[in-house]
Amino acid sequence: MSVVDPLELLGSTVSAEALNAGCACRTLDPERLRQQLERDPALAGLTQSLRETRPHLFASTVVFISSEVAATMTAAIAAIERVVALPPWQAQSLARAPAIAAHDFGPKSVFMGYDFHLGPDGPRLIEINTNAGGALLNLALARAQRACCAEMDAAFSFEAPSERLEQRFVDMFAAEWRSQRGQQAIGNLAIVDDDPPSQYLAPEFELFRQLAMRHGIAAQVVDAQALQWHDGRLWHGDRVIDLVYNRLTDFYLVEPRHAALREAFAAGAVVLTPHPRAHALYADKRNLVTLSDDALLADWGVSAADRRLLQSVVPPTRLVGAGDADVLWASRKHWFFKPVAGYGGKATYRGDKLTRRVFAQILSGEFVAQALVPPGERLIDVDGTRGDLKFDLRAYTFDGQIQLLAARIYSGQTTNFRTPGGGFAPVLVV
């Protein structure tokens, strides 16, 4: 590993790759981050709590990408949105999903997450998520950055996300409400998860509650099993719940403890976002198989330009079946195995790390095999020791439009928020 002086980089053409590989500058201003996280008096002490309980939530630096990479990600997301809108895509995706996914009340689903690895040939789509967490945490983090030295100002000059982006988040929920309720005033909002205080990103729930309340929306954080369905309404205690920001990973609401929310959604009695239909259309890993099937997309009438783009961005992906066992085992080091209904890197396996026992479990379950795409690398300084860590890129989107770019820095097979020097990081487009 060679470390490059940032001043030398600035003496030539600055590239994102050179900055990621050679600049170990620490750009996070901890005091500024505290001010951003604790803007509301009710959040006093949050930063200290995060340091104690989640010490690797925030990285101390940014990740650089080129404007070409950002443009490719934007174009790929737009192309995927066009494909998802096709009747044969929707018919195929919904046919393999539970019946609850057939409900279409209008909402698009907030905070879609498109996750990419960045290699020498550009960004590669790893997966799509329907309840991507961390947007408000990343917004606060982006506002807390500073140039590490005067000479870096030229490479580091960017406009941190402002109140406009915060307003766009609020407007997004308002748009979801209007799509189902028209011009009615927005009712009570519940931010819902299982046992919210135990969730790793629980601090973000309170940030969302405070954001909603600042914009005149009554909001509370609610444990899903505390909800009740009666009299044709969804209730939390004596309060009717009209709008739910859904953070559950029970994507089709099949668990008994989610029965009240399931009944309310199916009856159209609550505006739910994200919702089961979005998970079926976007986040089921079998959709990656379709996105990488050029012949099928051609049969469906996808344009040649969109197909070329998807071929370059979506790694080849295939369903895992017992009939492919010998071929997949022999070529396992070239594949990454994921459960079709997985999320958050759970039960995912790099092929070169597989044992025969685990491979047998994969064959007996529902998995896809995705061509292995190594993540990007970022030079990090941790307590005076420099080293390379991995990173991936996340585009938070709504209705096909990127709202915020962020990165996750880590070591190991998948993102884990357990790596010294790792965590969420802002993305700076060079």
Protein backbone atom coordinates (compact mmCIF):
# COMPACT_ATOMS: atom_id res chain seq x y z
CA MET A 1 0.00 0.00 0.00
CA SER A 2 1.39 3.38 -1.00
CA VAL A 3 0.19 6.55 0.70
CA VAL A 4 0.01 9.67 -1.42
CA ASP A 5 0.42 13.18 -0.06
CA PRO A 6 -2.86 15.05 -0.74
CA LEU A 7 -0.83 18.06 -1.86
CA GLU A 8 0.75 15.95 -4.59
CA LEU A 9 -2.73 14.91 -5.73
CA LEU A 10 -3.72 18.52 -6.02
CA GLY A 11 -0.71 19.25 -8.15
CA SER A 12 -2.17 17.06 -10.87
CA THR A 13 -5.62 16.06 -12.00
CA VAL A 14 -7.52 14.99 -8.90
CA SER A 15 -9.44 11.74 -9.39
CA ALA A 16 -11.81 10.02 -7.02
CA GLU A 17 -9.74 6.84 -7.23
CA ALA A 18 -6.54 8.66 -6.26
CA LEU A 19 -8.23 10.40 -3.34
CA ASN A 20 -9.75 7.15 -2.01
CA ALA A 21 -6.41 5.38 -2.28
CA GLY A 22 -4.09 8.14 -1.15
CA CYS A 23 -5.84 10.62 1.13
CA ALA A 24 -6.27 9.48 4.74
CA CYS A 25 -7.56 12.86 5.93
CA ARG A 26 -10.08 12.95 8.78
CA THR A 27 -12.90 15.24 7.73
CA LEU A 28 -15.50 14.64 10.43
CA ASP A 29 -15.96 17.47 12.93
CA PRO A 30 -17.28 15.67 16.07
CA GLU A 31 -18.64 18.85 17.67
CA ARG A 32 -20.46 19.81 14.49
CA LEU A 33 -21.93 16.30 14.34
CA ARG A 34 -23.15 16.65 17.92
CA GLN A 35 -24.83 19.93 17.04
CA GLN A 36 -26.56 18.34 14.03
CA LEU A 37 -27.78 15.28 15.92
CA GLU A 38 -28.97 17.25 18.94
CA ARG A 39 -30.68 20.17 17.19
CA ASP A 40 -33.84 19.40 19.18
CA PRO A 41 -33.53 19.72 22.98
CA ALA A 42 -35.24 16.33 23.34
CA LEU A 43 -32.18 14.72 21.71
CA ALA A 44 -29.62 16.07 24.19
CA GLY A 45 -27.09 13.37 25.04
CA LEU A 46 -27.75 11.35 21.87
CA THR A 47 -24.20 11.75 20.56
CA GLN A 48 -22.60 10.48 23.76
CA SER A 49 -25.00 7.54 23.78
CA LEU A 50 -24.02 6.67 20.21
CA ARG A 51 -20.32 6.77 21.09
CA GLU A 52 -20.91 4.34 23.93
CA THR A 53 -23.33 1.92 22.25
CA ARG A 54 -22.51 2.27 18.55
CA PRO A 55 -18.86 3.36 18.36
CA HIS A 56 -18.49 2.37 14.71
CA LEU A 57 -21.64 3.99 13.32
CA PHE A 58 -19.84 6.95 11.71
CA ALA A 59 -16.56 6.92 9.79
CA SER A 60 -14.21 9.87 10.22
CA THR A 61 -13.82 10.62 6.52
CA VAL A 62 -15.66 10.79 3.20
CA VAL A 63 -15.71 8.51 0.16
CA PHE A 64 -14.96 10.07 -3.22
CA ILE A 65 -16.65 9.11 -6.49
CA SER A 66 -16.38 10.62 -9.94
CA SER A 67 -19.17 12.51 -11.64
CA GLU A 68 -19.22 9.73 -14.27
CA VAL A 69 -19.93 7.12 -11.58
CA ALA A 70 -22.70 9.26 -10.12
CA ALA A 71 -24.21 9.71 -13.59
CA THR A 72 -24.09 5.96 -14.26
CA MET A 73 -25.85 5.19 -10.97
CA THR A 74 -28.52 7.77 -11.77
CA ALA A 75 -29.08 6.39 -15.27
CA ALA A 76 -29.17 2.78 -14.05
CA ILE A 77 -31.82 3.56 -11.43
CA ALA A 78 -33.93 5.33 -14.05
CA ALA A 79 -33.59 2.32 -16.39
CA ILE A 80 -34.62 -0.09 -13.63
CA GLU A 81 -37.66 2.04 -12.87
CA ARG A 82 -38.68 1.79 -16.53
CA VAL A 83 -38.29 -1.99 -16.48
CA VAL A 84 -40.22 -2.37 -13.22
CA ALA A 85 -43.12 -0.43 -14.76
CA LEU A 86 -43.52 -3.05 -17.52
CA PRO A 87 -46.61 -5.31 -17.22
CA PRO A 88 -44.64 -8.59 -17.66
CA TRP A 89 -42.19 -7.57 -14.89
CA GLN A 90 -45.05 -6.78 -12.53
CA ALA A 91 -46.92 -9.96 -13.42
CA GLN A 92 -43.85 -12.12 -12.80
CA SER A 93 -42.84 -10.39 -9.56
CA LEU A 94 -46.32 -10.40 -8.05
CA ALA A 95 -47.07 -13.99 -9.08
CA ARG A 96 -44.34 -15.31 -6.77
CA ALA A 97 -45.22 -13.00 -3.87
CA PRO A 98 -47.94 -13.44 -1.23
CA ALA A 99 -51.38 -12.09 -2.07
CA ILE A 100 -50.90 -9.04 0.14
CA ALA A 101 -48.40 -7.66 -2.43
CA ALA A 102 -51.21 -7.29 -4.96
CA HIS A 103 -52.62 -4.30 -3.06
CA ASP A 104 -51.79 -1.03 -4.81
CA PHE A 105 -53.12 2.01 -2.97
CA GLY A 106 -50.86 4.53 -4.68
CA PRO A 107 -47.77 5.08 -2.47
CA LYS A 108 -44.38 4.56 -4.14
CA SER A 109 -42.45 3.61 -0.94
CA VAL A 110 -40.09 5.99 0.83
CA PHE A 111 -36.34 5.53 1.13
CA MET A 112 -35.68 2.92 -1.49
CA GLY A 113 -32.03 1.91 -1.32
CA TYR A 114 -29.93 0.97 -4.35
CA ASP A 115 -26.61 -0.51 -3.16
CA PHE A 116 -23.55 -0.56 -5.41
CA HIS A 117 -19.97 -1.78 -5.32
CA LEU A 118 -17.44 0.36 -7.14
CA GLY A 119 -14.77 -1.33 -9.21
CA PRO A 120 -12.36 -0.29 -11.95
CA ASP A 121 -15.15 -0.66 -14.55
CA GLY A 122 -17.63 1.51 -12.66
CA PRO A 123 -20.54 0.89 -10.28
CA ARG A 124 -22.18 -2.53 -10.00
CA LEU A 125 -25.63 -2.99 -8.48
CA ILE A 126 -25.48 -5.43 -5.57
CA GLU A 127 -29.07 -5.25 -4.37
CA ILE A 128 -32.18 -3.11 -3.96
CA ASN A 129 -33.81 -2.55 -0.57
CA THR A 130 -37.24 -1.19 0.30
CA ASN A 131 -36.54 0.00 3.84
CA ALA A 132 -33.05 1.45 3.59
CA GLY A 133 -32.15 2.91 6.97
CA GLY A 134 -29.73 5.70 7.80
CA ALA A 135 -30.86 8.60 5.63
CA LEU A 136 -31.28 11.13 8.44
CA LEU A 137 -28.11 9.95 10.15
CA ASN A 138 -26.24 10.43 6.88
CA LEU A 139 -27.77 13.86 6.41
CA ALA A 140 -26.46 14.93 9.83
CA LEU A 141 -23.10 13.36 9.04
CA ALA A 142 -22.77 15.19 5.72
CA ARG A 143 -23.41 18.50 7.46
CA ALA A 144 -20.62 17.78 9.94
CA GLN A 145 -17.71 17.56 7.47
CA ARG A 146 -14.84 19.99 7.04
CA ALA A 147 -11.88 20.20 4.68
CA CYS A 148 -8.84 18.67 6.37
CA CYS A 149 -6.47 21.40 5.18
CA ALA A 150 -6.64 24.65 3.21
CA GLU A 151 -4.95 23.05 0.23
CA MET A 152 -7.72 20.45 -0.02
CA ASP A 153 -10.47 23.06 -0.37
CA ALA A 154 -10.47 22.76 -4.17
CA ALA A 155 -11.07 19.01 -4.05
CA PHE A 156 -13.37 19.17 -1.05
CA SER A 157 -15.54 22.14 -1.90
CA PHE A 158 -19.14 20.98 -1.91
CA GLU A 159 -22.45 22.21 -0.65
CA ALA A 160 -23.51 20.10 2.31
CA PRO A 161 -27.14 18.96 2.20
CA SER A 162 -29.26 21.80 3.50
CA GLU A 163 -32.71 22.35 4.87
CA ARG A 164 -33.95 21.74 1.31
CA LEU A 165 -33.15 18.03 1.55
CA GLU A 166 -34.81 17.80 4.95
CA GLN A 167 -37.87 19.43 3.39
CA ARG A 168 -37.74 16.93 0.51
CA PHE A 169 -37.94 14.09 3.03
CA VAL A 170 -41.04 15.64 4.57
CA ASP A 171 -42.51 16.30 1.12
CA MET A 172 -41.92 12.64 0.24
CA PHE A 173 -44.16 11.48 3.08
CA ALA A 174 -46.73 14.12 2.12
CA ALA A 175 -46.69 12.78 -1.46
CA GLU A 176 -47.27 9.24 -0.18
CA TRP A 177 -50.21 10.48 1.85
CA ARG A 178 -51.77 12.37 -1.07
CA SER A 179 -51.41 9.39 -3.40
CA GLN A 180 -53.84 7.47 -1.19
CA ARG A 181 -55.78 10.13 0.71
CA GLY A 182 -55.93 13.04 -1.71
CA GLN A 183 -56.10 16.46 -0.11
CA GLN A 184 -57.05 15.33 3.38
CA ALA A 185 -54.82 16.74 6.11
CA ILE A 186 -52.06 14.32 7.14
CA GLY A 187 -53.10 12.34 10.20
CA ASN A 188 -51.05 10.73 12.95
CA LEU A 189 -47.73 9.19 11.89
CA ALA A 190 -46.26 6.09 13.52
CA ILE A 191 -42.65 5.03 12.95
CA VAL A 192 -43.02 1.26 13.37
CA ASP A 193 -40.57 -1.54 14.07
CA ASP A 194 -40.26 -4.56 16.33
CA ASP A 195 -39.06 -3.50 19.79
CA PRO A 196 -37.76 -0.16 18.44
CA PRO A 197 -35.28 0.58 21.28
CA SER A 198 -33.39 -2.63 20.47
CA GLN A 199 -32.81 -1.75 16.80
CA TYR A 200 -29.31 -0.69 15.80
CA LEU A 201 -30.61 2.39 13.99
CA ALA A 202 -33.09 3.23 16.75
CA PRO A 203 -31.63 6.75 17.20
CA GLU A 204 -32.85 7.57 13.71
CA PHE A 205 -36.45 6.83 14.73
CA GLU A 206 -36.36 9.71 17.19
CA LEU A 207 -34.72 11.95 14.58
CA PHE A 208 -37.64 11.22 12.25
CA ARG A 209 -40.18 11.86 14.98
CA GLN A 210 -38.64 15.23 15.73
CA LEU A 211 -38.45 16.09 12.02
CA ALA A 212 -42.13 15.29 11.53
CA MET A 213 -43.15 17.30 14.57
CA ARG A 214 -41.15 20.33 13.41
CA HIS A 215 -43.28 20.26 10.25
CA GLY A 216 -46.58 19.99 12.06
CA ILE A 217 -47.11 16.22 11.82
CA ALA A 218 -48.05 14.39 15.02
CA ALA A 219 -45.64 11.44 15.28
CA GLN A 220 -44.63 8.65 17.63
CA VAL A 221 -42.31 5.64 17.61
CA VAL A 222 -44.35 2.44 18.02
CA ASP A 223 -43.65 -1.24 18.61
CA ALA A 224 -45.57 -3.11 15.89
CA GLN A 225 -47.15 -5.57 18.30
CA ALA A 226 -48.62 -2.68 20.33
CA LEU A 227 -50.86 -1.75 17.38
CA GLN A 228 -54.51 -2.78 17.40
CA TRP A 229 -57.08 -3.18 14.62
CA HIS A 230 -60.69 -2.52 15.51
CA ASP A 231 -63.65 -0.42 14.38
CA GLY A 232 -62.12 -0.25 10.92
CA ARG A 233 -59.10 1.76 12.15
CA LEU A 234 -55.51 1.13 13.26
CA TRP A 235 -54.90 2.19 16.85
CA HIS A 236 -52.03 2.71 19.27
CA GLY A 237 -53.66 3.03 22.65
CA ASP A 238 -56.41 5.62 22.25
CA ARG A 239 -54.83 7.24 19.20
CA VAL A 240 -55.79 6.42 15.61
CA ILE A 241 -52.77 5.79 13.36
CA ASP A 242 -53.23 7.11 9.82
CA LEU A 243 -49.72 6.95 8.30
CA VAL A 244 -47.02 4.34 9.02
CA TYR A 245 -43.34 4.68 8.23
CA ASN A 246 -42.64 0.96 8.08
CA ARG A 247 -39.20 -0.20 9.28
CA LEU A 248 -40.16 -3.86 9.69
CA THR A 249 -38.16 -6.60 7.98
CA ASP A 250 -41.25 -8.82 7.87
CA PHE A 251 -41.82 -7.48 4.38
CA TYR A 252 -45.13 -9.25 3.73
CA LEU A 253 -46.48 -8.84 7.27
CA VAL A 254 -46.92 -12.57 7.78
CA GLU A 255 -45.88 -12.78 11.46
CA PRO A 256 -48.75 -13.00 13.98
CA ARG A 257 -47.47 -10.00 15.92
CA HIS A 258 -48.01 -7.87 12.79
CA ALA A 259 -51.63 -8.93 12.30
CA ALA A 260 -53.11 -5.54 13.19
CA LEU A 261 -50.91 -3.71 10.69
CA ARG A 262 -51.59 -6.36 8.05
CA GLU A 263 -55.36 -6.04 8.43
CA ALA A 264 -55.26 -2.25 8.39
CA PHE A 265 -53.09 -2.18 5.27
CA ALA A 266 -55.20 -4.75 3.40
CA ALA A 267 -58.32 -2.72 4.19
CA GLY A 268 -56.74 0.49 2.95
CA ALA A 269 -57.27 1.97 6.41
CA VAL A 270 -53.70 3.13 6.81
CA VAL A 271 -51.13 4.64 4.46
CA LEU A 272 -48.18 2.24 4.70
CA THR A 273 -44.74 3.07 3.31
CA PRO A 274 -42.69 1.08 2.39
CA HIS A 275 -45.23 -1.63 1.60
CA PRO A 276 -45.34 -5.29 0.46
CA ARG A 277 -45.92 -4.51 -3.23
CA ALA A 278 -42.69 -2.50 -3.42
CA HIS A 279 -40.74 -5.34 -1.85
CA ALA A 280 -42.07 -7.80 -4.43
CA LEU A 281 -41.38 -5.48 -7.37
CA TYR A 282 -37.90 -4.35 -6.30
CA ALA A 283 -36.24 -6.10 -3.38
CA ASP A 284 -36.84 -9.81 -3.98
CA LYS A 285 -33.38 -11.03 -5.01
CA ARG A 286 -34.90 -13.02 -7.89
CA ASN A 287 -35.45 -9.68 -9.59
CA LEU A 288 -31.67 -9.43 -10.00
CA VAL A 289 -31.82 -12.59 -12.09
CA THR A 290 -34.30 -10.91 -14.42
CA LEU A 291 -32.34 -7.66 -14.59
CA SER A 292 -29.28 -9.58 -15.77
CA ASP A 293 -31.23 -11.64 -18.36
CA ASP A 294 -30.71 -9.63 -21.55
CA ALA A 295 -32.70 -11.99 -23.78
CA LEU A 296 -35.76 -11.86 -21.53
CA LEU A 297 -35.60 -8.07 -21.27
CA ALA A 298 -35.38 -7.86 -25.07
CA ASP A 299 -38.50 -10.05 -25.36
CA TRP A 300 -40.28 -7.66 -23.02
CA GLY A 301 -39.44 -4.69 -25.24
CA VAL A 302 -36.77 -3.05 -23.10
CA SER A 303 -34.81 -0.61 -25.25
CA ALA A 304 -31.34 -1.53 -26.50
CA ALA A 305 -29.86 1.45 -24.62
CA ASP A 306 -31.39 0.38 -21.30
CA ARG A 307 -30.30 -3.21 -21.85
CA ARG A 308 -26.71 -2.16 -22.57
CA LEU A 309 -26.68 -0.09 -19.41
CA LEU A 310 -28.12 -2.87 -17.27
CA GLN A 311 -25.66 -5.38 -18.74
CA SER A 312 -22.82 -3.13 -17.62
CA VAL A 313 -24.21 -2.39 -14.14
CA VAL A 314 -26.06 -5.55 -12.98
CA PRO A 315 -23.73 -8.50 -12.29
CA PRO A 316 -24.84 -11.83 -13.79
CA THR A 317 -27.21 -13.48 -11.30
CA ARG A 318 -28.82 -16.92 -11.35
CA LEU A 319 -31.18 -18.98 -9.23
CA VAL A 320 -29.50 -21.72 -7.24
CA GLY A 321 -30.91 -25.18 -7.90
CA ALA A 322 -29.84 -28.69 -7.01
CA GLY A 323 -29.26 -29.40 -10.70
CA ASP A 324 -26.52 -26.75 -10.75
CA ALA A 325 -24.76 -28.02 -7.62
CA ASP A 326 -21.64 -29.41 -9.30
CA VAL A 327 -21.15 -26.40 -11.57
CA LEU A 328 -21.71 -23.88 -8.79
CA TRP A 329 -19.42 -25.70 -6.36
CA ALA A 330 -16.64 -25.91 -8.94
CA SER A 331 -16.94 -22.18 -9.72
CA ARG A 332 -17.93 -21.05 -6.22
CA LYS A 333 -15.10 -18.56 -5.79
CA HIS A 334 -16.68 -16.46 -8.56
CA TRP A 335 -20.09 -16.22 -6.85
CA PHE A 336 -21.76 -14.53 -3.91
CA PHE A 337 -24.79 -16.41 -2.53
CA LYS A 338 -27.84 -14.55 -1.16
CA PRO A 339 -31.26 -15.70 0.10
CA VAL A 340 -34.05 -14.45 -2.14
CA ALA A 341 -35.84 -12.84 0.82
CA GLY A 342 -32.70 -11.69 2.63
CA TYR A 343 -31.75 -8.25 3.86
CA GLY A 344 -28.89 -6.52 5.63
CA GLY A 345 -26.29 -9.06 4.54
CA LYS A 346 -27.88 -11.82 6.66
CA ALA A 347 -27.14 -15.42 5.57
CA THR A 348 -25.03 -14.26 2.63
CA TYR A 349 -21.88 -16.09 1.68
CA ARG A 350 -18.83 -15.49 -0.45
CA GLY A 351 -18.30 -18.60 -2.51
CA ASP A 352 -14.60 -18.85 -1.71
CA LYS A 353 -15.47 -19.04 2.01
CA LEU A 354 -18.08 -21.80 1.65
CA THR A 355 -17.92 -25.17 3.36
CA ARG A 356 -19.69 -28.22 2.01
CA ARG A 357 -22.13 -28.07 4.95
CA VAL A 358 -23.15 -24.48 4.26
CA PHE A 359 -23.36 -25.14 0.53
CA ALA A 360 -25.81 -27.99 1.23
CA GLN A 361 -27.95 -25.56 3.21
CA ILE A 362 -27.90 -23.12 0.30
CA LEU A 363 -29.04 -25.84 -2.11
CA SER A 364 -31.95 -26.74 0.15
CA GLY A 365 -33.07 -23.11 0.53
CA GLU A 366 -34.05 -20.35 -1.86
CA PHE A 367 -30.89 -18.56 -2.93
CA VAL A 368 -29.48 -16.66 -5.87
CA ALA A 369 -25.86 -16.68 -6.94
CA GLN A 370 -24.53 -13.29 -8.02
CA ALA A 371 -21.23 -12.84 -9.83
CA LEU A 372 -18.73 -11.69 -7.22
CA VAL A 373 -17.94 -7.98 -7.51
CA PRO A 374 -15.28 -6.79 -5.05
CA PRO A 375 -16.14 -3.55 -3.24
CA GLY A 376 -14.14 -0.36 -3.50
CA GLU A 377 -11.35 0.44 -1.04
CA ARG A 378 -10.74 3.53 1.06
CA LEU A 379 -7.56 4.49 2.90
CA ILE A 380 -8.41 5.06 6.58
CA ASP A 381 -6.38 6.37 9.50
CA VAL A 382 -7.30 4.66 12.78
CA ASP A 383 -5.35 5.87 15.82
CA GLY A 384 -2.34 6.72 13.70
CA THR A 385 -2.34 3.45 11.76
CA ARG A 386 -3.28 3.62 8.09
CA GLY A 387 -4.92 0.80 6.18
CA ASP A 388 -7.42 0.04 3.44
CA LEU A 389 -11.04 -0.76 4.26
CA LYS A 390 -13.85 -1.73 1.92
CA PHE A 391 -16.81 0.46 1.04
CA ASP A 392 -20.12 0.23 -0.74
CA LEU A 393 -22.36 2.99 -2.03
CA ARG A 394 -26.04 3.54 -1.27
CA ALA A 395 -28.40 5.74 -3.25
CA TYR A 396 -31.49 6.70 -1.25
CA THR A 397 -34.29 7.26 -3.75
CA PHE A 398 -37.96 8.13 -4.00
CA ASP A 399 -39.99 7.63 -7.15
CA GLY A 400 -36.81 6.87 -9.08
CA GLN A 401 -34.99 10.06 -8.04
CA ILE A 402 -31.80 10.00 -5.99
CA GLN A 403 -32.18 12.09 -2.85
CA LEU A 404 -28.93 11.30 -1.05
CA LEU A 405 -25.74 9.31 -1.65
CA ALA A 406 -23.91 7.68 1.24
CA ALA A 407 -21.23 5.04 1.76
CA ARG A 408 -20.63 2.32 4.32
CA ILE A 409 -17.01 1.55 5.21
CA TYR A 410 -16.21 -1.87 6.65
CA SER A 411 -14.05 -4.99 6.71
CA GLY A 412 -15.25 -8.57 6.35
CA GLN A 413 -17.76 -10.13 3.95
CA THR A 414 -20.54 -7.57 4.38
CA THR A 415 -21.24 -4.20 5.96
CA ASN A 416 -21.38 -4.67 9.71
CA PHE A 417 -20.82 -1.42 11.69
CA ARG A 418 -18.28 -3.30 13.80
CA THR A 419 -15.10 -2.11 12.08
CA PRO A 420 -12.81 0.41 13.82
CA GLY A 421 -12.62 3.37 11.43
CA GLY A 422 -15.70 2.18 9.56
CA GLY A 423 -19.37 3.14 9.48
CA PHE A 424 -21.51 5.51 7.46
CA ALA A 425 -19.57 8.06 5.38
CA PRO A 426 -20.66 10.94 3.15
CA VAL A 427 -20.09 10.61 -0.59
CA LEU A 428 -18.29 13.48 -2.30
CA VAL A 429 -18.58 13.68 -6.09
CA VAL A 430 -15.27 14.88 -7.57
